[in-house]
Amino acid sequence: GHSARFGTTWSRAPVHHFEKEGYRSSQEYRGSRTLSESPRNQTDKKFLVFFFKKLKMNTTNRYPEFPYLSLCGRERNFVRCDDCPLVFTHVIKTITTSGTTENRLCYGHAGDSLSVKFEPERVHMSPETGRVYHPAPTAVGSIGLVRSKLAIEFSKYFRFDNGEHNSPTHFTWDTTSYTLKTD
C-alpha cells in the first residue's frame, strides 16, 4: 500500500494522522493533493488515477465529517474538501471512436487520464460565490468544481440576460451559444 499521509497544498502539512484503517485527508480548491512523508508526490499520475477512480461517497458511518472515501487496496482514504472532491483543471479535444471531435473536462491533476464529457449547456456559476461548476460522476455527488484559473477563462463566455447579480443565462463555447440549463 501507499504509506503517505495526505495534506493540503496550502499548509504543506498532514491534516490528520495515519490510522490503522486508512488515512483522512482534505482537498483544496485547485484540486491538487500533496503526499507528504512519501517518495510519491502529487505528480504520481498512476496513483492519482487509481485514487480518483475509487473515490465515492462515504456511506460507512465512520468519520461522518469526511463525506468521501477512496478504497485503495486495504487502505481506506477518508476525504473531505471545502466544496467538491473533483476539481476540473482543463479542457481537451478528443476524437471519438466514430471519428467526431469531443471536448472533455479533465480533473485530478492526472493530465488527460481522468475526464468527463464537457457539456457547455450544463456549466453553472453561483452568483453568491462566483464559483463555476460542471456535472461530475454520480459516485462523487454528481457535481465538480471548475478550477479558478479555468473558471476565469470560462467567465469571458458567460452572458447575463437576467443581470450580473444572477446566474448567467448563456455560455458560448467553440462559437456556439448555449442556453444554460438550471437543473
N, C-alpha and C. Protein backbone atom coordinates (compact mmCIF):
# COMPACT_ATOMS: atom_id res chain seq x y z
N GLY A 1 0.81 -1.19 0.00
CA GLY A 1 0.00 0.00 0.00
C GLY A 1 0.85 1.24 0.00
N HIS A 2 0.22 2.36 -0.08
CA HIS A 2 0.90 3.64 -0.05
C HIS A 2 1.03 4.08 1.40
N SER A 3 2.23 4.47 1.80
CA SER A 3 2.44 4.86 3.20
C SER A 3 2.44 6.37 3.36
N ALA A 4 1.73 7.06 2.50
CA ALA A 4 1.71 8.52 2.55
C ALA A 4 0.63 9.03 3.48
N ARG A 5 0.84 10.23 3.95
CA ARG A 5 -0.22 10.98 4.60
C ARG A 5 -0.60 12.07 3.61
N PHE A 6 -1.87 12.33 3.48
CA PHE A 6 -2.30 13.37 2.55
C PHE A 6 -2.40 14.68 3.30
N GLY A 7 -2.05 15.74 2.64
CA GLY A 7 -2.18 17.07 3.22
C GLY A 7 -2.71 18.02 2.19
N THR A 8 -3.01 19.18 2.62
CA THR A 8 -3.49 20.19 1.69
C THR A 8 -2.30 20.96 1.15
N THR A 9 -2.40 21.46 -0.07
CA THR A 9 -1.27 22.15 -0.65
C THR A 9 -1.04 23.52 -0.01
N TRP A 10 -2.08 24.12 0.62
CA TRP A 10 -1.83 25.44 1.19
C TRP A 10 -1.10 25.36 2.52
N SER A 11 -1.18 24.26 3.23
CA SER A 11 -0.50 24.17 4.52
C SER A 11 0.79 23.36 4.43
N ARG A 12 0.91 22.54 3.40
CA ARG A 12 2.07 21.67 3.22
C ARG A 12 2.29 20.74 4.41
N ALA A 13 1.25 20.49 5.18
CA ALA A 13 1.38 19.62 6.35
C ALA A 13 0.24 18.62 6.36
N PRO A 14 0.46 17.45 6.98
CA PRO A 14 -0.63 16.47 7.06
C PRO A 14 -1.82 17.06 7.81
N VAL A 15 -3.00 16.72 7.39
CA VAL A 15 -4.20 17.22 8.03
C VAL A 15 -4.56 16.35 9.22
N HIS A 16 -4.50 15.05 9.05
CA HIS A 16 -4.83 14.11 10.12
C HIS A 16 -3.80 12.99 10.11
N HIS A 17 -3.66 12.35 11.24
CA HIS A 17 -2.65 11.30 11.36
C HIS A 17 -3.14 9.96 10.82
N PHE A 18 -2.18 9.14 10.46
CA PHE A 18 -2.46 7.80 9.97
C PHE A 18 -3.20 7.00 11.04
N GLU A 19 -4.17 6.23 10.61
CA GLU A 19 -4.86 5.30 11.49
C GLU A 19 -4.81 3.93 10.86
N LYS A 20 -5.03 2.89 11.63
CA LYS A 20 -4.92 1.52 11.12
C LYS A 20 -5.73 1.30 9.85
N GLU A 21 -6.94 1.82 9.82
CA GLU A 21 -7.81 1.51 8.69
C GLU A 21 -7.61 2.43 7.50
N GLY A 22 -6.82 3.46 7.64
CA GLY A 22 -6.60 4.31 6.47
C GLY A 22 -6.20 5.71 6.83
N TYR A 23 -6.34 6.57 5.86
CA TYR A 23 -5.95 7.96 6.01
C TYR A 23 -7.17 8.84 5.94
N ARG A 24 -7.04 9.98 6.57
CA ARG A 24 -8.06 11.00 6.42
C ARG A 24 -7.35 12.20 5.80
N SER A 25 -7.96 12.81 4.83
CA SER A 25 -7.28 13.88 4.12
C SER A 25 -8.25 14.95 3.69
N SER A 26 -7.71 16.00 3.14
CA SER A 26 -8.53 17.09 2.63
C SER A 26 -8.08 17.45 1.23
N GLN A 27 -9.01 18.00 0.45
CA GLN A 27 -8.73 18.51 -0.89
C GLN A 27 -8.77 20.03 -0.80
N GLU A 28 -8.10 20.68 -1.72
CA GLU A 28 -8.17 22.13 -1.76
C GLU A 28 -8.75 22.59 -3.08
N TYR A 29 -9.01 23.90 -3.20
CA TYR A 29 -9.76 24.44 -4.32
C TYR A 29 -9.18 24.11 -5.68
N ARG A 30 -7.86 24.04 -5.79
CA ARG A 30 -7.28 23.75 -7.10
C ARG A 30 -7.37 22.26 -7.41
N GLY A 31 -7.76 21.46 -6.43
CA GLY A 31 -7.94 20.04 -6.67
C GLY A 31 -6.68 19.23 -6.57
N SER A 32 -5.58 19.84 -6.13
CA SER A 32 -4.34 19.09 -6.05
C SER A 32 -4.15 18.54 -4.65
N ARG A 33 -3.31 17.54 -4.56
CA ARG A 33 -3.04 16.86 -3.31
C ARG A 33 -1.54 16.82 -3.10
N THR A 34 -1.13 16.88 -1.85
CA THR A 34 0.28 16.70 -1.52
C THR A 34 0.39 15.38 -0.77
N LEU A 35 1.27 14.54 -1.19
CA LEU A 35 1.51 13.28 -0.49
C LEU A 35 2.77 13.48 0.33
N SER A 36 2.62 13.74 1.63
CA SER A 36 3.76 14.02 2.48
C SER A 36 4.39 12.73 2.99
N GLU A 37 5.61 12.85 3.45
CA GLU A 37 6.34 11.75 4.06
C GLU A 37 6.33 10.51 3.18
N SER A 38 6.52 10.70 1.91
CA SER A 38 6.50 9.59 0.97
C SER A 38 7.31 9.97 -0.25
N PRO A 39 7.95 9.00 -0.91
CA PRO A 39 8.64 9.32 -2.15
C PRO A 39 7.68 9.71 -3.26
N ARG A 40 6.42 9.32 -3.13
CA ARG A 40 5.42 9.71 -4.13
C ARG A 40 5.03 11.15 -3.88
N ASN A 41 4.57 11.82 -4.92
CA ASN A 41 4.06 13.18 -4.72
C ASN A 41 2.87 13.39 -5.63
N GLN A 42 2.38 14.62 -5.68
CA GLN A 42 1.15 14.89 -6.41
C GLN A 42 1.27 14.68 -7.91
N THR A 43 2.47 14.45 -8.43
CA THR A 43 2.60 14.21 -9.86
C THR A 43 2.58 12.73 -10.20
N ASP A 44 2.35 11.86 -9.23
CA ASP A 44 2.26 10.43 -9.49
C ASP A 44 0.90 10.16 -10.12
N LYS A 45 0.83 10.30 -11.44
CA LYS A 45 -0.45 10.21 -12.16
C LYS A 45 -1.09 8.85 -12.04
N LYS A 46 -0.30 7.80 -12.02
CA LYS A 46 -0.87 6.46 -11.91
C LYS A 46 -1.64 6.32 -10.60
N PHE A 47 -1.04 6.80 -9.50
CA PHE A 47 -1.73 6.74 -8.22
C PHE A 47 -2.96 7.64 -8.21
N LEU A 48 -2.86 8.86 -8.76
CA LEU A 48 -4.00 9.78 -8.78
C LEU A 48 -5.17 9.19 -9.57
N VAL A 49 -4.88 8.57 -10.70
CA VAL A 49 -5.95 7.93 -11.49
C VAL A 49 -6.61 6.84 -10.65
N PHE A 50 -5.81 6.00 -10.00
CA PHE A 50 -6.34 4.93 -9.16
C PHE A 50 -7.19 5.52 -8.03
N PHE A 51 -6.65 6.53 -7.33
CA PHE A 51 -7.34 7.15 -6.21
C PHE A 51 -8.69 7.73 -6.63
N PHE A 52 -8.71 8.53 -7.70
CA PHE A 52 -9.95 9.18 -8.11
C PHE A 52 -10.96 8.21 -8.71
N LYS A 53 -10.50 7.16 -9.35
CA LYS A 53 -11.45 6.17 -9.88
C LYS A 53 -12.13 5.40 -8.75
N LYS A 54 -11.50 5.33 -7.60
CA LYS A 54 -12.08 4.64 -6.44
C LYS A 54 -12.86 5.58 -5.52
N LEU A 55 -12.80 6.88 -5.77
CA LEU A 55 -13.45 7.86 -4.91
C LEU A 55 -14.97 7.77 -5.01
N LYS A 56 -15.63 7.76 -3.85
CA LYS A 56 -17.09 7.67 -3.81
C LYS A 56 -17.58 8.31 -2.52
N MET A 57 -18.90 8.38 -2.38
CA MET A 57 -19.49 8.92 -1.16
C MET A 57 -19.18 7.96 0.00
N ASN A 58 -18.91 8.51 1.17
CA ASN A 58 -18.65 7.70 2.36
C ASN A 58 -19.99 7.30 2.98
N THR A 59 -20.36 6.05 2.80
CA THR A 59 -21.61 5.53 3.37
C THR A 59 -21.33 4.53 4.49
N THR A 60 -20.13 4.60 5.08
CA THR A 60 -19.72 3.62 6.08
C THR A 60 -20.17 3.94 7.50
N ASN A 61 -20.67 5.14 7.74
CA ASN A 61 -20.99 5.63 9.08
C ASN A 61 -19.74 5.83 9.94
N ARG A 62 -18.57 5.72 9.34
CA ARG A 62 -17.31 6.02 10.03
C ARG A 62 -16.85 7.38 9.55
N TYR A 63 -16.38 8.18 10.45
CA TYR A 63 -15.87 9.52 10.15
C TYR A 63 -16.85 10.32 9.29
N PRO A 64 -18.04 10.59 9.80
CA PRO A 64 -19.03 11.32 9.01
C PRO A 64 -18.57 12.72 8.60
N GLU A 65 -17.56 13.25 9.29
CA GLU A 65 -17.03 14.56 8.89
C GLU A 65 -16.21 14.47 7.60
N PHE A 66 -15.98 13.25 7.11
CA PHE A 66 -15.29 13.01 5.85
C PHE A 66 -16.30 12.38 4.89
N PRO A 67 -16.95 13.17 4.05
CA PRO A 67 -18.06 12.66 3.23
C PRO A 67 -17.65 11.78 2.05
N TYR A 68 -16.35 11.64 1.79
CA TYR A 68 -15.91 10.85 0.64
C TYR A 68 -14.91 9.80 1.10
N LEU A 69 -14.82 8.74 0.31
CA LEU A 69 -13.97 7.61 0.63
C LEU A 69 -13.36 7.07 -0.65
N SER A 70 -12.06 6.77 -0.59
CA SER A 70 -11.40 6.11 -1.71
C SER A 70 -10.76 4.84 -1.17
N LEU A 71 -11.25 3.70 -1.64
CA LEU A 71 -10.71 2.41 -1.21
C LEU A 71 -9.54 2.06 -2.11
N CYS A 72 -8.35 2.07 -1.53
CA CYS A 72 -7.13 1.78 -2.28
C CYS A 72 -6.51 0.52 -1.68
N GLY A 73 -6.89 -0.63 -2.23
CA GLY A 73 -6.42 -1.89 -1.66
C GLY A 73 -7.03 -2.06 -0.28
N ARG A 74 -6.17 -2.31 0.72
CA ARG A 74 -6.66 -2.47 2.09
C ARG A 74 -6.80 -1.13 2.81
N GLU A 75 -6.32 -0.07 2.20
CA GLU A 75 -6.41 1.24 2.82
C GLU A 75 -7.76 1.88 2.53
N ARG A 76 -8.22 2.63 3.50
CA ARG A 76 -9.42 3.45 3.33
C ARG A 76 -9.00 4.89 3.49
N ASN A 77 -9.14 5.66 2.45
CA ASN A 77 -8.79 7.07 2.49
C ASN A 77 -10.07 7.88 2.64
N PHE A 78 -10.28 8.44 3.83
CA PHE A 78 -11.44 9.27 4.10
C PHE A 78 -11.08 10.69 3.70
N VAL A 79 -11.95 11.31 2.90
CA VAL A 79 -11.61 12.60 2.30
C VAL A 79 -12.71 13.62 2.58
N ARG A 80 -12.28 14.85 2.83
CA ARG A 80 -13.22 15.97 2.89
C ARG A 80 -12.61 17.10 2.06
N CYS A 81 -13.45 18.00 1.67
CA CYS A 81 -12.99 19.13 0.86
C CYS A 81 -13.84 20.34 1.20
N ASP A 82 -13.37 21.49 0.79
CA ASP A 82 -14.12 22.71 1.08
C ASP A 82 -15.36 22.84 0.21
N ASP A 83 -15.37 22.15 -0.93
CA ASP A 83 -16.51 22.27 -1.83
C ASP A 83 -16.79 20.92 -2.46
N CYS A 84 -16.17 20.60 -3.58
CA CYS A 84 -16.40 19.34 -4.31
C CYS A 84 -15.10 18.55 -4.38
N PRO A 85 -15.18 17.22 -4.35
CA PRO A 85 -13.95 16.42 -4.41
C PRO A 85 -13.29 16.41 -5.79
N LEU A 86 -14.06 16.64 -6.84
CA LEU A 86 -13.48 16.71 -8.18
C LEU A 86 -13.33 18.16 -8.58
N VAL A 87 -12.12 18.52 -8.98
CA VAL A 87 -11.85 19.86 -9.46
C VAL A 87 -11.37 19.74 -10.89
N PHE A 88 -12.13 20.33 -11.79
CA PHE A 88 -11.80 20.29 -13.21
C PHE A 88 -10.69 21.29 -13.50
N THR A 89 -9.65 20.84 -14.19
CA THR A 89 -8.45 21.66 -14.38
C THR A 89 -8.26 22.19 -15.80
N HIS A 90 -8.71 21.44 -16.80
CA HIS A 90 -8.51 21.90 -18.18
C HIS A 90 -9.44 21.15 -19.13
N VAL A 91 -9.58 21.70 -20.33
CA VAL A 91 -10.43 21.11 -21.38
C VAL A 91 -9.51 20.56 -22.46
N ILE A 92 -9.85 19.36 -22.95
CA ILE A 92 -9.12 18.78 -24.08
C ILE A 92 -10.10 18.43 -25.19
N LYS A 93 -9.59 18.32 -26.39
CA LYS A 93 -10.38 17.82 -27.52
C LYS A 93 -9.90 16.41 -27.81
N THR A 94 -10.85 15.49 -27.96
CA THR A 94 -10.51 14.11 -28.29
C THR A 94 -11.28 13.69 -29.53
N ILE A 95 -10.84 12.62 -30.13
CA ILE A 95 -11.54 12.03 -31.27
C ILE A 95 -12.25 10.78 -30.75
N THR A 96 -13.56 10.72 -30.96
CA THR A 96 -14.34 9.57 -30.50
C THR A 96 -14.13 8.39 -31.45
N THR A 97 -14.62 7.24 -31.07
CA THR A 97 -14.49 6.05 -31.91
C THR A 97 -15.22 6.22 -33.24
N SER A 98 -16.24 7.09 -33.26
CA SER A 98 -16.97 7.34 -34.51
C SER A 98 -16.28 8.40 -35.37
N GLY A 99 -15.16 8.95 -34.87
CA GLY A 99 -14.40 9.92 -35.65
C GLY A 99 -14.79 11.37 -35.44
N THR A 100 -15.72 11.63 -34.52
CA THR A 100 -16.11 13.02 -34.25
C THR A 100 -15.23 13.61 -33.14
N THR A 101 -15.18 14.92 -33.09
CA THR A 101 -14.41 15.61 -32.05
C THR A 101 -15.30 15.81 -30.83
N GLU A 102 -14.71 15.61 -29.65
CA GLU A 102 -15.45 15.79 -28.40
C GLU A 102 -14.59 16.56 -27.42
N ASN A 103 -15.17 17.55 -26.75
CA ASN A 103 -14.48 18.27 -25.68
C ASN A 103 -14.68 17.51 -24.38
N ARG A 104 -13.60 17.43 -23.58
CA ARG A 104 -13.67 16.74 -22.30
C ARG A 104 -13.04 17.63 -21.23
N LEU A 105 -13.62 17.59 -20.03
CA LEU A 105 -13.07 18.31 -18.88
C LEU A 105 -12.24 17.33 -18.06
N CYS A 106 -10.99 17.67 -17.82
CA CYS A 106 -10.08 16.80 -17.07
C CYS A 106 -10.04 17.23 -15.61
N TYR A 107 -9.76 16.27 -14.73
CA TYR A 107 -9.73 16.54 -13.29
C TYR A 107 -8.65 15.71 -12.61
N GLY A 108 -8.38 16.05 -11.35
CA GLY A 108 -7.49 15.25 -10.52
C GLY A 108 -6.01 15.43 -10.77
N HIS A 109 -5.61 16.42 -11.54
CA HIS A 109 -4.20 16.65 -11.86
C HIS A 109 -3.52 15.39 -12.38
N ALA A 110 -4.25 14.63 -13.18
CA ALA A 110 -3.72 13.40 -13.77
C ALA A 110 -3.58 13.55 -15.28
N GLY A 111 -3.28 14.76 -15.72
CA GLY A 111 -3.16 15.00 -17.16
C GLY A 111 -4.49 14.77 -17.83
N ASP A 112 -4.48 14.02 -18.92
CA ASP A 112 -5.70 13.73 -19.67
C ASP A 112 -6.30 12.38 -19.29
N SER A 113 -5.77 11.75 -18.24
CA SER A 113 -6.20 10.40 -17.86
C SER A 113 -7.56 10.33 -17.19
N LEU A 114 -8.00 11.41 -16.57
CA LEU A 114 -9.30 11.45 -15.90
C LEU A 114 -10.11 12.58 -16.51
N SER A 115 -11.26 12.25 -17.08
CA SER A 115 -12.07 13.30 -17.71
C SER A 115 -13.53 12.88 -17.81
N VAL A 116 -14.37 13.88 -18.02
CA VAL A 116 -15.79 13.68 -18.31
C VAL A 116 -16.10 14.47 -19.57
N LYS A 117 -17.17 14.08 -20.25
CA LYS A 117 -17.60 14.82 -21.43
C LYS A 117 -17.98 16.24 -21.01
N PHE A 118 -17.44 17.23 -21.72
CA PHE A 118 -17.76 18.62 -21.43
C PHE A 118 -19.12 18.96 -22.01
N GLU A 119 -20.02 19.41 -21.13
CA GLU A 119 -21.38 19.78 -21.52
C GLU A 119 -21.54 21.29 -21.28
N PRO A 120 -21.22 22.12 -22.28
CA PRO A 120 -21.25 23.58 -22.08
C PRO A 120 -22.59 24.10 -21.58
N GLU A 121 -23.70 23.47 -21.98
CA GLU A 121 -25.02 23.94 -21.55
C GLU A 121 -25.29 23.64 -20.08
N ARG A 122 -24.43 22.84 -19.43
CA ARG A 122 -24.64 22.47 -18.03
C ARG A 122 -23.63 23.13 -17.09
N VAL A 123 -22.83 24.06 -17.62
CA VAL A 123 -21.93 24.83 -16.77
C VAL A 123 -22.80 25.72 -15.89
N HIS A 124 -22.43 25.86 -14.64
CA HIS A 124 -23.21 26.69 -13.71
C HIS A 124 -22.27 27.58 -12.92
N MET A 125 -22.60 28.85 -12.82
CA MET A 125 -21.86 29.77 -11.97
C MET A 125 -22.75 30.22 -10.83
N SER A 126 -22.28 30.06 -9.62
CA SER A 126 -23.03 30.51 -8.44
C SER A 126 -22.89 32.02 -8.31
N PRO A 127 -24.00 32.76 -8.33
CA PRO A 127 -23.89 34.21 -8.17
C PRO A 127 -23.44 34.61 -6.76
N GLU A 128 -23.65 33.74 -5.79
CA GLU A 128 -23.24 34.04 -4.41
C GLU A 128 -21.73 33.93 -4.23
N THR A 129 -21.11 32.92 -4.82
CA THR A 129 -19.68 32.68 -4.60
C THR A 129 -18.82 32.99 -5.82
N GLY A 130 -19.43 33.02 -7.00
CA GLY A 130 -18.67 33.20 -8.23
C GLY A 130 -18.00 31.92 -8.70
N ARG A 131 -18.19 30.83 -7.96
CA ARG A 131 -17.59 29.56 -8.35
C ARG A 131 -18.35 28.97 -9.53
N VAL A 132 -17.60 28.23 -10.35
CA VAL A 132 -18.18 27.62 -11.54
C VAL A 132 -18.16 26.10 -11.36
N TYR A 133 -19.26 25.46 -11.75
CA TYR A 133 -19.43 24.01 -11.56
C TYR A 133 -19.80 23.35 -12.88
N HIS A 134 -19.58 22.03 -12.91
CA HIS A 134 -19.93 21.22 -14.08
C HIS A 134 -20.32 19.83 -13.56
N PRO A 135 -21.21 19.13 -14.25
CA PRO A 135 -21.57 17.77 -13.82
C PRO A 135 -20.34 16.85 -13.71
N ALA A 136 -20.40 15.97 -12.72
CA ALA A 136 -19.33 15.01 -12.44
C ALA A 136 -19.96 13.64 -12.24
N PRO A 137 -19.15 12.59 -12.12
CA PRO A 137 -19.72 11.25 -11.89
C PRO A 137 -20.61 11.21 -10.64
N THR A 138 -21.67 10.43 -10.70
CA THR A 138 -22.61 10.34 -9.58
C THR A 138 -21.96 9.78 -8.32
N ALA A 139 -20.93 8.97 -8.44
CA ALA A 139 -20.28 8.37 -7.28
C ALA A 139 -19.73 9.42 -6.32
N VAL A 140 -19.43 10.62 -6.84
CA VAL A 140 -18.86 11.68 -6.00
C VAL A 140 -19.81 12.86 -5.85
N GLY A 141 -21.10 12.64 -6.05
CA GLY A 141 -22.08 13.68 -5.81
C GLY A 141 -22.61 14.40 -7.03
N SER A 142 -22.20 14.00 -8.20
CA SER A 142 -22.74 14.50 -9.48
C SER A 142 -22.33 15.91 -9.86
N ILE A 143 -21.49 16.57 -9.08
CA ILE A 143 -21.08 17.93 -9.41
C ILE A 143 -19.59 18.10 -9.09
N GLY A 144 -18.89 18.84 -9.95
CA GLY A 144 -17.48 19.13 -9.74
C GLY A 144 -17.24 20.62 -9.85
N LEU A 145 -16.21 21.07 -9.18
CA LEU A 145 -15.81 22.48 -9.19
C LEU A 145 -14.84 22.72 -10.33
N VAL A 146 -15.01 23.83 -11.04
CA VAL A 146 -14.08 24.22 -12.09
C VAL A 146 -12.98 25.04 -11.43
N ARG A 147 -11.73 24.65 -11.65
CA ARG A 147 -10.57 25.33 -11.08
C ARG A 147 -10.64 26.83 -11.37
N SER A 148 -10.20 27.65 -10.42
CA SER A 148 -10.28 29.11 -10.56
C SER A 148 -9.70 29.61 -11.87
N LYS A 149 -8.53 29.12 -12.24
CA LYS A 149 -7.88 29.57 -13.47
C LYS A 149 -8.76 29.29 -14.69
N LEU A 150 -9.37 28.12 -14.75
CA LEU A 150 -10.25 27.77 -15.86
C LEU A 150 -11.58 28.53 -15.75
N ALA A 151 -12.08 28.72 -14.54
CA ALA A 151 -13.32 29.48 -14.34
C ALA A 151 -13.18 30.91 -14.83
N ILE A 152 -12.03 31.50 -14.61
CA ILE A 152 -11.78 32.86 -15.10
C ILE A 152 -11.84 32.87 -16.62
N GLU A 153 -11.25 31.86 -17.24
CA GLU A 153 -11.32 31.75 -18.70
C GLU A 153 -12.77 31.58 -19.16
N PHE A 154 -13.51 30.71 -18.49
CA PHE A 154 -14.92 30.49 -18.83
C PHE A 154 -15.75 31.76 -18.67
N SER A 155 -15.42 32.58 -17.67
CA SER A 155 -16.24 33.76 -17.38
C SER A 155 -16.34 34.71 -18.57
N LYS A 156 -15.37 34.68 -19.45
CA LYS A 156 -15.41 35.53 -20.66
C LYS A 156 -16.54 35.13 -21.59
N TYR A 157 -17.03 33.91 -21.45
CA TYR A 157 -18.02 33.36 -22.38
C TYR A 157 -19.43 33.31 -21.81
N PHE A 158 -19.62 33.85 -20.59
CA PHE A 158 -20.96 33.90 -20.00
C PHE A 158 -21.72 35.12 -20.51
N ARG A 159 -23.04 34.96 -20.61
CA ARG A 159 -23.92 36.08 -20.91
C ARG A 159 -24.98 36.12 -19.81
N PHE A 160 -25.24 37.32 -19.31
CA PHE A 160 -26.15 37.51 -18.16
C PHE A 160 -27.38 38.28 -18.60
N ASP A 161 -28.37 37.59 -19.14
CA ASP A 161 -29.60 38.26 -19.58
C ASP A 161 -30.48 38.70 -18.42
N ASN A 162 -30.27 38.14 -17.24
CA ASN A 162 -31.08 38.49 -16.06
C ASN A 162 -30.32 39.38 -15.08
N GLY A 163 -29.26 40.01 -15.55
CA GLY A 163 -28.44 40.87 -14.69
C GLY A 163 -27.27 40.12 -14.10
N GLU A 164 -26.19 40.85 -13.83
CA GLU A 164 -24.96 40.22 -13.35
C GLU A 164 -25.02 39.73 -11.91
N HIS A 165 -26.09 40.06 -11.18
CA HIS A 165 -26.23 39.56 -9.81
C HIS A 165 -26.96 38.22 -9.78
N ASN A 166 -27.33 37.73 -10.94
CA ASN A 166 -27.98 36.42 -11.08
C ASN A 166 -27.05 35.49 -11.84
N SER A 167 -27.41 34.22 -11.89
CA SER A 167 -26.62 33.25 -12.65
C SER A 167 -26.63 33.61 -14.12
N PRO A 168 -25.55 33.29 -14.83
CA PRO A 168 -25.55 33.55 -16.28
C PRO A 168 -26.64 32.73 -16.97
N THR A 169 -27.09 33.23 -18.10
CA THR A 169 -28.15 32.56 -18.86
C THR A 169 -27.62 31.81 -20.07
N HIS A 170 -26.45 32.24 -20.57
CA HIS A 170 -25.88 31.63 -21.77
C HIS A 170 -24.37 31.46 -21.60
N PHE A 171 -23.84 30.50 -22.35
CA PHE A 171 -22.40 30.23 -22.36
C PHE A 171 -22.01 29.93 -23.80
N THR A 172 -21.02 30.62 -24.31
CA THR A 172 -20.57 30.40 -25.68
C THR A 172 -19.29 29.57 -25.65
N TRP A 173 -19.31 28.48 -26.40
CA TRP A 173 -18.14 27.60 -26.48
C TRP A 173 -17.96 27.17 -27.92
N ASP A 174 -16.75 27.29 -28.44
CA ASP A 174 -16.46 26.92 -29.83
C ASP A 174 -17.46 27.55 -30.80
N THR A 175 -17.72 28.82 -30.63
CA THR A 175 -18.61 29.63 -31.47
C THR A 175 -20.10 29.28 -31.36
N THR A 176 -20.46 28.35 -30.49
CA THR A 176 -21.87 28.01 -30.29
C THR A 176 -22.34 28.60 -28.97
N SER A 177 -23.48 29.29 -29.00
CA SER A 177 -24.07 29.84 -27.78
C SER A 177 -25.07 28.83 -27.22
N TYR A 178 -24.88 28.48 -25.96
CA TYR A 178 -25.74 27.51 -25.29
C TYR A 178 -26.59 28.23 -24.25
N THR A 179 -27.89 27.92 -24.22
CA THR A 179 -28.74 28.37 -23.13
C THR A 179 -28.45 27.45 -21.96
N LEU A 180 -28.07 28.04 -20.83
CA LEU A 180 -27.67 27.23 -19.69
C LEU A 180 -28.87 26.58 -19.02
N LYS A 181 -28.72 25.29 -18.73
CA LYS A 181 -29.75 24.53 -18.02
C LYS A 181 -29.63 24.82 -16.54
N THR A 182 -30.73 24.88 -15.85
CA THR A 182 -30.70 25.22 -14.43
C THR A 182 -30.88 24.02 -13.52
N ASP A 183 -30.86 22.80 -14.06
CA ASP A 183 -31.03 21.60 -13.22
C ASP A 183 -29.75 21.20 -12.54
